[in-house]
Amino acid sequence: MLLFGTASAGRRIGLFGIPYDTSASLGRPGARYAPARIREALRWNCHRVRDGAFFDVEARRLVRCDDVALWDYGDVFVSGHDHLATLDRARGQMAELLETGAFPIVLGGDHSVSLPLLQAFHDHHDGPLGIIQLDAHLDLVDETLSQGRYSGSSQIRRALEMGRYDATRLVQVGVRGFNYPDQYEYVVQQGIHHITAVQVHETGGRRAAEAALETAGAGGAHVFATLDIDCLDPAFAPGAGADEPGGLTSAQVLAFVRQIAARVEALDIVEVNPLVDRRDTTSALAAQLIFTAVAARAGGD
């Protein structure tokens, strides 16, 4: 379904959802309801497109949609009884969208759904690859009895095993709190880059984004961006799978996404949980992030 723009537009942005949270064995379940709720919130901004344009107030420019189109491809079919089958369908949907040349924006779901997206991105592109991960957590767990190898705590580690996602081009932004000693050893050994929440507070979202792009895109790497909504402080994103105090502000994350959107080649937004949200605050923020990315990738006056 065409949300706005023209069918013949040269710049296509493709939206699809993965309403799946079966691997949320540690955090709160409920992210399966996010794609529908985010789409509802997205309607507010889509209504502001008039006569093929909208006003990007913060950028002080008129964004014309003559050569940009936002398409919604619906949701991946979920098999609640078969985790890997669901992930494989998500991989197939992502691969099809990449083949069209569109810029994918994918709505989770828990963070395990990023794994098939990263796999499709890996298989589609030649050459070096980088990852920008906005998250409170590292998601570098190898395997646990309760979560297995393909959970929302291990998808980044699995990506680093694919072959061309170099750990030195992985930038984890907004990470904070405390973790296991083996995670420290792995981060140091692999050369993974961190821009902690405290560092973002000190430098701002835009400068943090510039630093992340420089590292993740080193050597001309294709960059995948994944945004776990718990990168934000719970005060700004109450509807999340887990709470970690000291997180990013909504202004910082919006500035970050505005800065990276035109240079990364895929974006997912995961772990929005409508079941614990307050007045759809977090879904509305996710919708604003989508439209911010669209505006950044579209032309303007």
Protein backbone atom coordinates (compact mmCIF):
# COMPACT_ATOMS: atom_id res chain seq x y z
CA MET A 1 0.00 0.00 0.00
CA LEU A 2 1.30 3.44 -0.96
CA LEU A 3 1.19 5.71 2.10
CA PHE A 4 2.33 8.81 0.26
CA GLY A 5 4.32 9.84 -2.80
CA THR A 6 4.04 8.52 -6.33
CA ALA A 7 4.26 4.95 -7.58
CA SER A 8 6.93 5.98 -10.09
CA ALA A 9 9.16 7.69 -7.50
CA GLY A 10 12.86 6.97 -7.84
CA ARG A 11 13.44 6.89 -4.10
CA ARG A 12 11.36 4.18 -2.45
CA ILE A 13 11.08 3.57 1.28
CA GLY A 14 9.56 0.22 2.19
CA LEU A 15 7.94 -0.41 5.56
CA PHE A 16 7.02 -3.84 6.90
CA GLY A 17 6.34 -5.34 10.31
CA ILE A 18 7.35 -8.47 12.17
CA PRO A 19 4.74 -8.83 14.95
CA TYR A 20 6.72 -11.37 16.93
CA ASP A 21 7.94 -11.47 20.53
CA THR A 22 8.16 -15.17 21.36
CA SER A 23 11.86 -14.90 22.21
CA ALA A 24 11.19 -12.24 24.87
CA SER A 25 11.99 -14.69 27.67
CA LEU A 26 13.80 -12.12 29.83
CA GLY A 27 12.11 -8.84 28.96
CA ARG A 28 8.38 -8.15 28.89
CA PRO A 29 6.34 -9.77 26.10
CA GLY A 30 4.02 -7.54 24.09
CA ALA A 31 6.17 -6.20 21.23
CA ARG A 32 4.10 -8.28 18.80
CA TYR A 33 1.48 -5.52 19.01
CA ALA A 34 3.91 -2.76 18.06
CA PRO A 35 3.69 -2.74 14.24
CA ALA A 36 -0.07 -2.12 14.29
CA ARG A 37 0.15 0.54 17.00
CA ILE A 38 3.07 2.34 15.35
CA ARG A 39 1.23 2.40 12.04
CA GLU A 40 -1.74 3.99 13.79
CA ALA A 41 0.54 6.68 15.21
CA LEU A 42 2.19 7.13 11.81
CA ARG A 43 -1.13 8.18 10.30
CA TRP A 44 -0.87 11.55 12.06
CA ASN A 45 2.22 12.52 10.11
CA CYS A 46 1.00 10.97 6.86
CA HIS A 47 -2.06 13.25 7.12
CA ARG A 48 0.30 16.22 7.07
CA VAL A 49 1.40 15.43 3.53
CA ARG A 50 -0.62 17.85 1.40
CA ASP A 51 -0.29 18.51 -2.31
CA GLY A 52 2.76 16.24 -2.46
CA ALA A 53 4.76 17.97 0.28
CA PHE A 54 5.14 18.41 4.03
CA PHE A 55 6.85 20.99 6.24
CA ASP A 56 9.87 19.68 8.17
CA VAL A 57 9.69 22.24 10.97
CA GLU A 58 12.99 21.49 12.70
CA ALA A 59 14.94 21.48 9.43
CA ARG A 60 13.04 24.61 8.30
CA ARG A 61 12.39 23.20 4.85
CA LEU A 62 9.59 22.00 2.64
CA VAL A 63 9.97 18.34 1.77
CA ARG A 64 8.54 17.49 -1.63
CA CYS A 65 7.41 13.95 -2.36
CA ASP A 66 7.68 14.17 -6.15
CA ASP A 67 10.49 11.62 -6.22
CA VAL A 68 10.01 9.76 -2.93
CA ALA A 69 7.39 7.20 -1.96
CA LEU A 70 6.62 5.45 1.34
CA TRP A 71 5.16 1.99 0.84
CA ASP A 72 3.74 -0.33 3.50
CA TYR A 73 4.22 -4.00 2.65
CA GLY A 74 2.27 -5.32 5.61
CA ASP A 75 3.46 -7.87 8.16
CA VAL A 76 5.49 -11.05 7.94
CA PHE A 77 3.39 -14.12 8.69
CA VAL A 78 4.27 -15.40 12.15
CA SER A 79 4.38 -19.07 13.15
CA GLY A 80 4.13 -18.92 16.92
CA HIS A 81 5.21 -22.55 17.20
CA ASP A 82 8.30 -22.23 15.00
CA HIS A 83 10.81 -19.51 15.86
CA LEU A 84 13.25 -20.24 13.04
CA ALA A 85 10.52 -20.47 10.40
CA THR A 86 9.28 -17.01 11.36
CA LEU A 87 12.79 -15.58 11.22
CA ASP A 88 13.31 -17.17 7.81
CA ARG A 89 10.16 -15.53 6.45
CA ALA A 90 11.43 -12.20 7.75
CA ARG A 91 14.73 -12.81 5.97
CA GLY A 92 12.88 -13.51 2.73
CA GLN A 93 10.77 -10.37 3.01
CA MET A 94 13.85 -8.26 3.67
CA ALA A 95 15.70 -9.84 0.74
CA GLU A 96 12.80 -9.09 -1.62
CA LEU A 97 12.64 -5.48 -0.49
CA LEU A 98 16.38 -4.96 -0.89
CA GLU A 99 16.16 -6.35 -4.42
CA THR A 100 13.71 -3.58 -5.35
CA GLY A 101 16.29 -0.96 -4.35
CA ALA A 102 14.04 0.43 -1.63
CA PHE A 103 15.27 1.66 1.74
CA PRO A 104 13.82 -0.77 4.33
CA ILE A 105 12.31 0.39 7.62
CA VAL A 106 11.25 -2.64 9.63
CA LEU A 107 9.05 -2.67 12.72
CA GLY A 108 9.56 -5.34 15.39
CA GLY A 109 8.81 -7.33 17.37
CA ASP A 110 11.46 -8.23 19.89
CA HIS A 111 15.11 -7.75 18.99
CA SER A 112 15.55 -11.32 17.74
CA VAL A 113 13.87 -10.22 14.50
CA SER A 114 16.95 -8.16 13.59
CA LEU A 115 18.91 -11.35 12.94
CA PRO A 116 17.17 -12.33 9.68
CA LEU A 117 17.25 -8.71 8.55
CA LEU A 118 20.99 -8.58 9.14
CA GLN A 119 21.37 -11.88 7.29
CA ALA A 120 19.46 -10.61 4.24
CA PHE A 121 21.48 -7.38 4.29
CA HIS A 122 24.70 -9.43 4.50
CA ASP A 123 23.71 -11.63 1.57
CA HIS A 124 22.54 -8.72 -0.58
CA HIS A 125 25.63 -6.51 -0.38
CA ASP A 126 29.18 -7.14 -1.50
CA GLY A 127 32.13 -5.77 0.43
CA PRO A 128 32.49 -4.67 4.06
CA LEU A 129 29.50 -4.20 6.34
CA GLY A 130 28.94 -2.15 9.48
CA ILE A 131 26.28 -1.97 12.18
CA ILE A 132 25.02 0.97 14.22
CA GLN A 133 23.09 -0.38 17.19
CA LEU A 134 21.14 1.96 19.45
CA ASP A 135 20.44 -0.05 22.56
CA ALA A 136 20.67 -0.16 26.33
CA HIS A 137 22.13 -3.66 26.09
CA LEU A 138 24.96 -5.33 24.21
CA ASP A 139 23.04 -8.30 22.73
CA LEU A 140 26.29 -10.27 22.50
CA VAL A 141 25.21 -13.34 24.48
CA ASP A 142 26.42 -16.53 22.85
CA GLU A 143 23.88 -19.06 24.08
CA THR A 144 21.84 -19.69 27.24
CA LEU A 145 19.63 -22.52 28.41
CA SER A 146 16.57 -20.27 28.59
CA GLN A 147 17.08 -18.36 25.33
CA GLY A 148 19.11 -20.63 23.05
CA ARG A 149 21.29 -19.16 20.27
CA TYR A 150 18.76 -17.05 18.36
CA SER A 151 17.26 -14.70 20.91
CA GLY A 152 16.96 -10.96 21.28
CA SER A 153 20.07 -11.09 23.44
CA SER A 154 22.30 -12.77 20.85
CA GLN A 155 21.37 -11.42 17.41
CA ILE A 156 24.35 -9.06 17.20
CA ARG A 157 26.78 -11.83 18.13
CA ARG A 158 25.26 -14.09 15.47
CA ALA A 159 25.64 -11.27 12.92
CA LEU A 160 29.35 -10.99 13.69
CA GLU A 161 29.66 -14.67 12.76
CA MET A 162 28.23 -14.19 9.26
CA GLY A 163 31.56 -13.23 7.73
CA ARG A 164 31.54 -9.59 6.66
CA TYR A 165 30.17 -7.73 9.68
CA ASP A 166 33.50 -6.75 11.18
CA ALA A 167 33.34 -6.20 14.95
CA THR A 168 35.49 -3.09 14.58
CA ARG A 169 32.66 -1.60 12.49
CA LEU A 170 30.03 -2.35 15.15
CA VAL A 171 29.09 0.78 17.10
CA GLN A 172 26.81 0.30 20.11
CA VAL A 173 25.16 3.58 21.10
CA GLY A 174 23.35 4.34 24.33
CA VAL A 175 24.65 1.26 26.14
CA ARG A 176 24.75 1.58 29.91
CA GLY A 177 24.33 -0.13 33.25
CA PHE A 178 26.14 -3.33 34.21
CA ASN A 179 26.90 -6.65 32.56
CA TYR A 180 28.76 -9.96 32.88
CA PRO A 181 32.59 -10.13 32.94
CA ASP A 182 32.67 -12.29 29.79
CA GLN A 183 30.89 -9.51 27.90
CA TYR A 184 33.67 -7.09 28.76
CA GLU A 185 36.27 -9.61 27.59
CA TYR A 186 34.41 -10.19 24.31
CA VAL A 187 34.00 -6.46 23.60
CA VAL A 188 37.69 -5.78 24.19
CA GLN A 189 38.87 -8.83 22.28
CA GLN A 190 36.71 -8.05 19.24
CA GLY A 191 37.38 -4.31 19.19
CA ILE A 192 33.73 -3.29 19.42
CA HIS A 193 33.09 0.45 19.74
CA HIS A 194 30.82 1.94 22.40
CA ILE A 195 29.26 5.38 22.59
CA THR A 196 27.66 5.13 26.00
CA ALA A 197 24.57 6.99 27.10
CA VAL A 198 26.72 9.28 29.22
CA GLN A 199 28.86 10.13 26.19
CA VAL A 200 25.77 10.98 24.14
CA HIS A 201 24.58 13.24 26.95
CA GLU A 202 27.95 15.01 26.79
CA THR A 203 28.26 15.34 23.00
CA GLY A 204 24.66 15.37 21.78
CA GLY A 205 22.85 13.12 19.33
CA ARG A 206 24.20 14.69 16.16
CA ARG A 207 27.88 14.42 17.07
CA ALA A 208 27.37 10.89 18.35
CA ALA A 209 25.80 10.01 15.00
CA GLU A 210 28.72 11.48 13.07
CA ALA A 211 31.16 9.42 15.13
CA ALA A 212 29.08 6.27 14.68
CA LEU A 213 28.89 6.74 10.92
CA GLU A 214 32.62 7.29 10.64
CA THR A 215 33.38 4.04 12.46
CA ALA A 216 30.62 1.80 11.08
CA GLY A 217 31.09 3.06 7.53
CA ALA A 218 34.90 2.82 7.52
CA GLY A 219 36.32 1.57 4.25
CA GLY A 220 33.09 2.30 2.40
CA ALA A 221 31.10 -0.29 4.38
CA HIS A 222 27.37 -0.67 3.88
CA VAL A 223 25.73 0.18 7.21
CA PHE A 224 22.68 -1.39 8.86
CA ALA A 225 21.07 0.54 11.73
CA THR A 226 19.06 -1.21 14.44
CA LEU A 227 17.22 0.78 17.09
CA ASP A 228 16.04 -0.92 20.25
CA ILE A 229 13.61 1.52 21.85
CA ASP A 230 15.18 0.85 25.26
CA CYS A 231 18.16 2.95 24.16
CA LEU A 232 15.92 5.73 25.47
CA ASP A 233 15.44 6.42 29.13
CA PRO A 234 12.18 4.91 30.45
CA ALA A 235 10.93 8.47 31.06
CA PHE A 236 10.84 8.99 27.28
CA ALA A 237 9.95 5.45 26.19
CA PRO A 238 7.83 3.80 28.92
CA GLY A 239 6.60 1.15 26.48
CA ALA A 240 9.75 -0.94 26.18
CA GLY A 241 10.74 -4.54 26.72
CA ALA A 242 13.07 -3.62 29.58
CA ASP A 243 13.97 -0.57 31.66
CA GLU A 244 17.50 0.75 32.13
CA PRO A 245 17.86 4.10 33.91
CA GLY A 246 20.12 6.79 32.50
CA GLY A 247 19.11 6.40 28.88
CA LEU A 248 18.92 8.77 25.94
CA THR A 249 16.35 11.50 25.50
CA SER A 250 13.86 11.54 22.65
CA ALA A 251 15.50 14.70 21.28
CA GLN A 252 18.90 12.98 21.22
CA VAL A 253 17.61 9.91 19.39
CA LEU A 254 15.61 11.97 16.89
CA ALA A 255 18.72 14.04 16.15
CA PHE A 256 20.78 10.86 15.82
CA VAL A 257 18.36 9.27 13.35
CA ARG A 258 18.08 12.47 11.34
CA GLN A 259 21.86 12.48 10.97
CA ILE A 260 22.33 8.84 9.96
CA ALA A 261 19.21 8.16 7.89
CA ALA A 262 20.54 9.36 4.55
CA ARG A 263 23.75 7.35 4.90
CA VAL A 264 22.68 4.00 6.33
CA GLU A 265 20.99 1.50 4.02
CA ALA A 266 18.45 -0.14 6.33
CA LEU A 267 16.76 0.63 9.65
CA ASP A 268 14.76 -1.41 12.10
CA ILE A 269 12.91 -0.23 15.21
CA VAL A 270 12.28 -2.94 17.77
CA GLU A 271 11.08 -3.67 21.31
CA VAL A 272 8.25 -1.13 21.40
CA ASN A 273 5.74 -2.69 23.81
CA PRO A 274 2.20 -1.26 23.66
CA LEU A 275 1.07 -3.43 26.59
CA VAL A 276 3.12 -1.39 29.07
CA ASP A 277 3.09 1.95 27.23
CA ARG A 278 1.42 5.10 28.55
CA ARG A 279 -1.06 6.72 26.17
CA ASP A 280 0.88 5.32 23.19
CA THR A 281 3.81 7.63 23.97
CA THR A 282 6.40 5.11 22.75
CA SER A 283 4.51 4.14 19.62
CA ALA A 284 4.17 7.83 18.75
CA LEU A 285 7.92 8.27 19.24
CA ALA A 286 8.62 5.31 16.93
CA ALA A 287 6.34 6.86 14.30
CA GLN A 288 8.18 10.16 14.66
CA LEU A 289 11.49 8.35 14.16
CA ILE A 290 10.15 6.80 10.95
CA PHE A 291 9.04 10.14 9.59
CA THR A 292 12.33 11.73 10.61
CA ALA A 293 14.16 9.08 8.59
CA VAL A 294 11.84 9.66 5.63
CA ALA A 295 12.42 13.42 5.76
CA ALA A 296 16.18 12.94 5.93
CA ARG A 297 16.14 10.73 2.84
CA ALA A 298 13.80 13.00 0.86
CA GLY A 299 14.69 16.16 -1.00
CA GLY A 300 13.68 19.56 0.30
CA ASP A 301 13.52 23.25 -0.52
